Amino acid sequence: MKKKELEYIQKYRKIYIRVIQEAKRRGNSNYISSSKNKSKAAWQIINKELGKSFINNKNIELRWGKNKISNPRATAELFNSYFVETIEKLTDQSSGTHTQFVI
C-alpha cells in the first residue's frame, strides 16, 4: 500500500475508535441515568468492563441435621428461629445477674 493510503486508513481508524468510545460512554450514561439504583448500575458497568462474571446463585441449600433445605422461605424461617432462640438463651442466662449502669 502507498503511504497516503496508510495515512488515510490510520486517520479513519482513529475516528472510528473515538465514535465507538463516545457511543459506549453515552450508552453507559443513559443506563445509569435511567436506573433506579444508580450506584448498582455503575458497579455493574465497571464489573462488566473488568470482565467479572455476574453469576448470581440465589439458591441456598442448608443442611440442618440430616435434612437439606433449599426452599427460600424455610431457610429464612430457620435463620429467624436460630437467632430468636439464641437471644432467648442469652436473656435467660443474664436474667440472674443484674447489671447497673452508672452515668
N, C-alpha and C. Protein backbone atom coordinates (compact mmCIF):
# COMPACT_ATOMS: atom_id res chain seq x y z
N MET A 1 0.85 -1.18 0.00
CA MET A 1 0.00 0.00 0.00
C MET A 1 0.88 1.23 0.00
N LYS A 2 0.31 2.26 -0.52
CA LYS A 2 1.03 3.51 -0.58
C LYS A 2 0.95 4.22 0.76
N LYS A 3 1.84 5.17 0.95
CA LYS A 3 1.91 5.91 2.21
C LYS A 3 0.62 6.69 2.45
N LYS A 4 0.06 7.29 1.39
CA LYS A 4 -1.18 8.06 1.54
C LYS A 4 -2.35 7.16 1.95
N GLU A 5 -2.39 5.97 1.41
CA GLU A 5 -3.45 5.04 1.76
C GLU A 5 -3.35 4.62 3.23
N LEU A 6 -2.13 4.37 3.70
CA LEU A 6 -1.94 4.01 5.10
C LEU A 6 -2.33 5.16 6.03
N GLU A 7 -1.98 6.37 5.68
CA GLU A 7 -2.36 7.53 6.48
C GLU A 7 -3.88 7.69 6.53
N TYR A 8 -4.51 7.48 5.39
CA TYR A 8 -5.97 7.56 5.29
C TYR A 8 -6.62 6.51 6.21
N ILE A 9 -6.13 5.28 6.17
CA ILE A 9 -6.66 4.21 7.00
C ILE A 9 -6.46 4.51 8.48
N GLN A 10 -5.28 4.97 8.85
CA GLN A 10 -4.99 5.29 10.25
C GLN A 10 -5.86 6.43 10.76
N LYS A 11 -6.06 7.44 9.91
CA LYS A 11 -6.87 8.59 10.29
C LYS A 11 -8.31 8.16 10.57
N TYR A 12 -8.90 7.38 9.69
CA TYR A 12 -10.28 6.95 9.86
C TYR A 12 -10.44 5.87 10.93
N ARG A 13 -9.37 5.13 11.17
CA ARG A 13 -9.39 4.17 12.27
C ARG A 13 -9.50 4.91 13.60
N LYS A 14 -8.74 5.98 13.75
CA LYS A 14 -8.81 6.80 14.97
C LYS A 14 -10.20 7.41 15.14
N ILE A 15 -10.76 7.89 14.06
CA ILE A 15 -12.11 8.48 14.11
C ILE A 15 -13.12 7.40 14.52
N TYR A 16 -13.00 6.23 13.94
CA TYR A 16 -13.90 5.12 14.26
C TYR A 16 -13.80 4.75 15.75
N ILE A 17 -12.60 4.66 16.26
CA ILE A 17 -12.40 4.32 17.68
C ILE A 17 -13.02 5.39 18.57
N ARG A 18 -12.85 6.66 18.25
CA ARG A 18 -13.45 7.74 19.05
C ARG A 18 -14.98 7.67 19.03
N VAL A 19 -15.54 7.36 17.85
CA VAL A 19 -17.00 7.26 17.74
C VAL A 19 -17.52 6.10 18.60
N ILE A 20 -16.83 4.96 18.56
CA ILE A 20 -17.23 3.81 19.37
C ILE A 20 -17.13 4.15 20.86
N GLN A 21 -16.05 4.80 21.28
CA GLN A 21 -15.88 5.18 22.68
C GLN A 21 -16.98 6.13 23.15
N GLU A 22 -17.31 7.10 22.30
CA GLU A 22 -18.36 8.07 22.67
C GLU A 22 -19.73 7.38 22.75
N ALA A 23 -20.00 6.47 21.84
CA ALA A 23 -21.27 5.74 21.87
C ALA A 23 -21.35 4.89 23.15
N LYS A 24 -20.24 4.30 23.53
CA LYS A 24 -20.20 3.49 24.74
C LYS A 24 -20.43 4.38 25.97
N ARG A 25 -19.77 5.54 26.01
CA ARG A 25 -19.97 6.48 27.13
C ARG A 25 -21.42 6.91 27.24
N ARG A 26 -22.02 7.23 26.12
CA ARG A 26 -23.42 7.66 26.13
C ARG A 26 -24.35 6.53 26.57
N GLY A 27 -24.09 5.35 26.07
CA GLY A 27 -24.90 4.19 26.46
C GLY A 27 -24.80 3.92 27.96
N ASN A 28 -23.59 3.97 28.49
CA ASN A 28 -23.40 3.76 29.93
C ASN A 28 -24.06 4.87 30.74
N SER A 29 -23.92 6.09 30.27
CA SER A 29 -24.53 7.23 30.97
C SER A 29 -26.05 7.11 30.99
N ASN A 30 -26.64 6.73 29.85
CA ASN A 30 -28.09 6.54 29.79
C ASN A 30 -28.54 5.40 30.69
N TYR A 31 -27.76 4.33 30.73
CA TYR A 31 -28.09 3.19 31.58
C TYR A 31 -28.11 3.60 33.05
N ILE A 32 -27.10 4.35 33.47
CA ILE A 32 -27.02 4.80 34.86
C ILE A 32 -28.13 5.80 35.16
N SER A 33 -28.36 6.74 34.26
CA SER A 33 -29.38 7.77 34.48
C SER A 33 -30.78 7.19 34.60
N SER A 34 -31.06 6.16 33.83
CA SER A 34 -32.41 5.59 33.85
C SER A 34 -32.59 4.51 34.92
N SER A 35 -31.53 4.19 35.62
CA SER A 35 -31.60 3.15 36.64
C SER A 35 -32.16 3.69 37.95
N LYS A 36 -32.89 2.84 38.68
CA LYS A 36 -33.40 3.23 39.99
C LYS A 36 -32.27 3.28 41.01
N ASN A 37 -31.35 2.33 40.91
CA ASN A 37 -30.20 2.27 41.82
C ASN A 37 -28.95 2.62 41.01
N LYS A 38 -28.60 3.89 40.99
CA LYS A 38 -27.51 4.38 40.15
C LYS A 38 -26.15 3.81 40.55
N SER A 39 -25.95 3.64 41.83
CA SER A 39 -24.68 3.08 42.31
C SER A 39 -24.51 1.64 41.82
N LYS A 40 -25.56 0.87 41.93
CA LYS A 40 -25.51 -0.53 41.49
C LYS A 40 -25.28 -0.60 39.98
N ALA A 41 -25.94 0.28 39.24
CA ALA A 41 -25.78 0.29 37.78
C ALA A 41 -24.34 0.63 37.41
N ALA A 42 -23.75 1.60 38.11
CA ALA A 42 -22.37 1.97 37.84
C ALA A 42 -21.43 0.80 38.11
N TRP A 43 -21.64 0.10 39.21
CA TRP A 43 -20.79 -1.04 39.53
C TRP A 43 -21.00 -2.19 38.55
N GLN A 44 -22.19 -2.34 38.04
CA GLN A 44 -22.41 -3.38 37.03
C GLN A 44 -21.59 -3.08 35.78
N ILE A 45 -21.55 -1.81 35.39
CA ILE A 45 -20.77 -1.42 34.21
C ILE A 45 -19.28 -1.65 34.48
N ILE A 46 -18.82 -1.24 35.65
CA ILE A 46 -17.41 -1.42 35.99
C ILE A 46 -17.03 -2.89 35.96
N ASN A 47 -17.84 -3.73 36.60
CA ASN A 47 -17.54 -5.17 36.63
C ASN A 47 -17.59 -5.78 35.24
N LYS A 48 -18.51 -5.30 34.40
CA LYS A 48 -18.58 -5.80 33.03
C LYS A 48 -17.30 -5.44 32.27
N GLU A 49 -16.82 -4.22 32.45
CA GLU A 49 -15.59 -3.79 31.78
C GLU A 49 -14.37 -4.56 32.29
N LEU A 50 -14.38 -4.92 33.56
CA LEU A 50 -13.26 -5.67 34.13
C LEU A 50 -13.33 -7.15 33.80
N GLY A 51 -14.48 -7.56 33.23
CA GLY A 51 -14.62 -8.95 32.82
C GLY A 51 -15.07 -9.86 33.94
N LYS A 52 -15.59 -9.29 35.01
CA LYS A 52 -16.07 -10.12 36.12
C LYS A 52 -17.43 -10.68 35.75
N SER A 53 -17.64 -11.93 36.10
CA SER A 53 -18.90 -12.56 35.74
C SER A 53 -19.99 -12.18 36.73
N PHE A 54 -21.21 -12.33 36.29
CA PHE A 54 -22.37 -11.99 37.11
C PHE A 54 -23.11 -13.25 37.54
N ILE A 55 -22.37 -14.27 37.90
CA ILE A 55 -23.03 -15.49 38.35
C ILE A 55 -23.68 -15.18 39.69
N ASN A 56 -24.96 -15.30 39.69
CA ASN A 56 -25.73 -14.94 40.87
C ASN A 56 -26.56 -16.14 41.28
N ASN A 57 -26.00 -16.94 42.14
CA ASN A 57 -26.68 -18.15 42.58
C ASN A 57 -27.49 -17.82 43.82
N LYS A 58 -28.78 -17.66 43.66
CA LYS A 58 -29.65 -17.30 44.77
C LYS A 58 -30.24 -18.53 45.44
N ASN A 59 -29.91 -19.70 44.95
CA ASN A 59 -30.43 -20.93 45.55
C ASN A 59 -29.51 -21.35 46.68
N ILE A 60 -29.96 -21.13 47.90
CA ILE A 60 -29.19 -21.50 49.07
C ILE A 60 -29.68 -22.85 49.56
N GLU A 61 -28.74 -23.71 49.86
CA GLU A 61 -29.11 -25.01 50.40
C GLU A 61 -28.44 -25.17 51.75
N LEU A 62 -29.25 -25.44 52.77
CA LEU A 62 -28.74 -25.62 54.12
C LEU A 62 -28.86 -27.07 54.53
N ARG A 63 -27.92 -27.49 55.32
CA ARG A 63 -28.02 -28.81 55.93
C ARG A 63 -28.37 -28.60 57.39
N TRP A 64 -29.50 -29.08 57.77
CA TRP A 64 -30.00 -28.92 59.14
C TRP A 64 -30.19 -30.33 59.69
N GLY A 65 -29.21 -30.77 60.44
CA GLY A 65 -29.21 -32.16 60.87
C GLY A 65 -28.94 -33.04 59.66
N LYS A 66 -29.87 -33.95 59.38
CA LYS A 66 -29.73 -34.82 58.21
C LYS A 66 -30.52 -34.30 57.01
N ASN A 67 -31.22 -33.20 57.21
CA ASN A 67 -32.07 -32.65 56.14
C ASN A 67 -31.34 -31.60 55.32
N LYS A 68 -31.68 -31.55 54.05
CA LYS A 68 -31.21 -30.48 53.17
C LYS A 68 -32.40 -29.58 52.88
N ILE A 69 -32.22 -28.30 53.12
CA ILE A 69 -33.32 -27.36 52.92
C ILE A 69 -32.91 -26.37 51.84
N SER A 70 -33.72 -26.29 50.79
CA SER A 70 -33.41 -25.37 49.69
C SER A 70 -34.53 -24.36 49.44
N ASN A 71 -35.65 -24.53 50.12
CA ASN A 71 -36.77 -23.60 49.98
C ASN A 71 -36.38 -22.27 50.65
N PRO A 72 -36.43 -21.14 49.92
CA PRO A 72 -36.02 -19.86 50.50
C PRO A 72 -36.81 -19.48 51.75
N ARG A 73 -38.10 -19.74 51.76
CA ARG A 73 -38.92 -19.40 52.94
C ARG A 73 -38.50 -20.24 54.15
N ALA A 74 -38.30 -21.53 53.93
CA ALA A 74 -37.88 -22.41 55.02
C ALA A 74 -36.50 -22.02 55.53
N THR A 75 -35.61 -21.62 54.63
CA THR A 75 -34.28 -21.16 55.02
C THR A 75 -34.38 -19.92 55.89
N ALA A 76 -35.19 -18.97 55.47
CA ALA A 76 -35.37 -17.74 56.24
C ALA A 76 -35.95 -18.04 57.62
N GLU A 77 -36.92 -18.95 57.67
CA GLU A 77 -37.53 -19.31 58.95
C GLU A 77 -36.52 -19.99 59.87
N LEU A 78 -35.63 -20.81 59.31
CA LEU A 78 -34.59 -21.44 60.12
C LEU A 78 -33.63 -20.42 60.71
N PHE A 79 -33.20 -19.48 59.88
CA PHE A 79 -32.32 -18.42 60.38
C PHE A 79 -33.02 -17.63 61.47
N ASN A 80 -34.27 -17.28 61.24
CA ASN A 80 -35.03 -16.50 62.20
C ASN A 80 -35.15 -17.25 63.53
N SER A 81 -35.54 -18.50 63.47
CA SER A 81 -35.71 -19.25 64.72
C SER A 81 -34.37 -19.44 65.44
N TYR A 82 -33.30 -19.64 64.70
CA TYR A 82 -31.99 -19.79 65.32
C TYR A 82 -31.62 -18.53 66.09
N PHE A 83 -31.77 -17.37 65.47
CA PHE A 83 -31.38 -16.13 66.14
C PHE A 83 -32.32 -15.78 67.30
N VAL A 84 -33.60 -16.07 67.16
CA VAL A 84 -34.54 -15.82 68.25
C VAL A 84 -34.19 -16.71 69.45
N GLU A 85 -33.92 -17.99 69.18
CA GLU A 85 -33.56 -18.90 70.26
C GLU A 85 -32.25 -18.48 70.93
N THR A 86 -31.30 -18.01 70.14
CA THR A 86 -30.02 -17.56 70.70
C THR A 86 -30.24 -16.37 71.63
N ILE A 87 -31.05 -15.43 71.24
CA ILE A 87 -31.34 -14.26 72.08
C ILE A 87 -32.08 -14.69 73.34
N GLU A 88 -33.03 -15.62 73.21
CA GLU A 88 -33.75 -16.11 74.39
C GLU A 88 -32.80 -16.78 75.38
N LYS A 89 -31.87 -17.57 74.87
CA LYS A 89 -30.89 -18.22 75.75
C LYS A 89 -30.02 -17.18 76.46
N LEU A 90 -29.59 -16.17 75.72
CA LEU A 90 -28.75 -15.13 76.32
C LEU A 90 -29.51 -14.35 77.39
N THR A 91 -30.76 -14.05 77.12
CA THR A 91 -31.53 -13.30 78.12
C THR A 91 -31.83 -14.17 79.33
N ASP A 92 -32.04 -15.46 79.13
CA ASP A 92 -32.25 -16.37 80.27
C ASP A 92 -30.99 -16.46 81.13
N GLN A 93 -29.84 -16.50 80.50
CA GLN A 93 -28.59 -16.59 81.23
C GLN A 93 -28.30 -15.32 82.01
N SER A 94 -28.62 -14.19 81.42
CA SER A 94 -28.30 -12.92 82.07
C SER A 94 -29.40 -12.46 83.02
N SER A 95 -30.54 -13.15 83.08
CA SER A 95 -31.63 -12.71 83.95
C SER A 95 -31.26 -12.87 85.42
N GLY A 96 -30.35 -13.76 85.74
CA GLY A 96 -29.92 -13.95 87.12
C GLY A 96 -28.95 -12.89 87.59
N THR A 97 -28.30 -12.24 86.68
CA THR A 97 -27.33 -11.20 87.06
C THR A 97 -27.92 -9.84 86.77
N HIS A 98 -27.67 -8.91 87.65
CA HIS A 98 -28.17 -7.55 87.48
C HIS A 98 -26.99 -6.65 87.19
N THR A 99 -27.11 -5.95 86.13
CA THR A 99 -26.04 -5.03 85.75
C THR A 99 -26.54 -3.62 85.97
N GLN A 100 -25.74 -2.82 86.68
CA GLN A 100 -26.12 -1.44 86.89
C GLN A 100 -25.20 -0.56 86.06
N PHE A 101 -25.81 0.41 85.44
CA PHE A 101 -25.04 1.37 84.68
C PHE A 101 -25.01 2.67 85.43
N VAL A 102 -23.83 3.17 85.67
CA VAL A 102 -23.68 4.44 86.39
C VAL A 102 -23.31 5.50 85.37
N ILE A 103 -24.05 6.57 85.43
CA ILE A 103 -23.79 7.66 84.48
C ILE A 103 -23.10 8.78 85.20
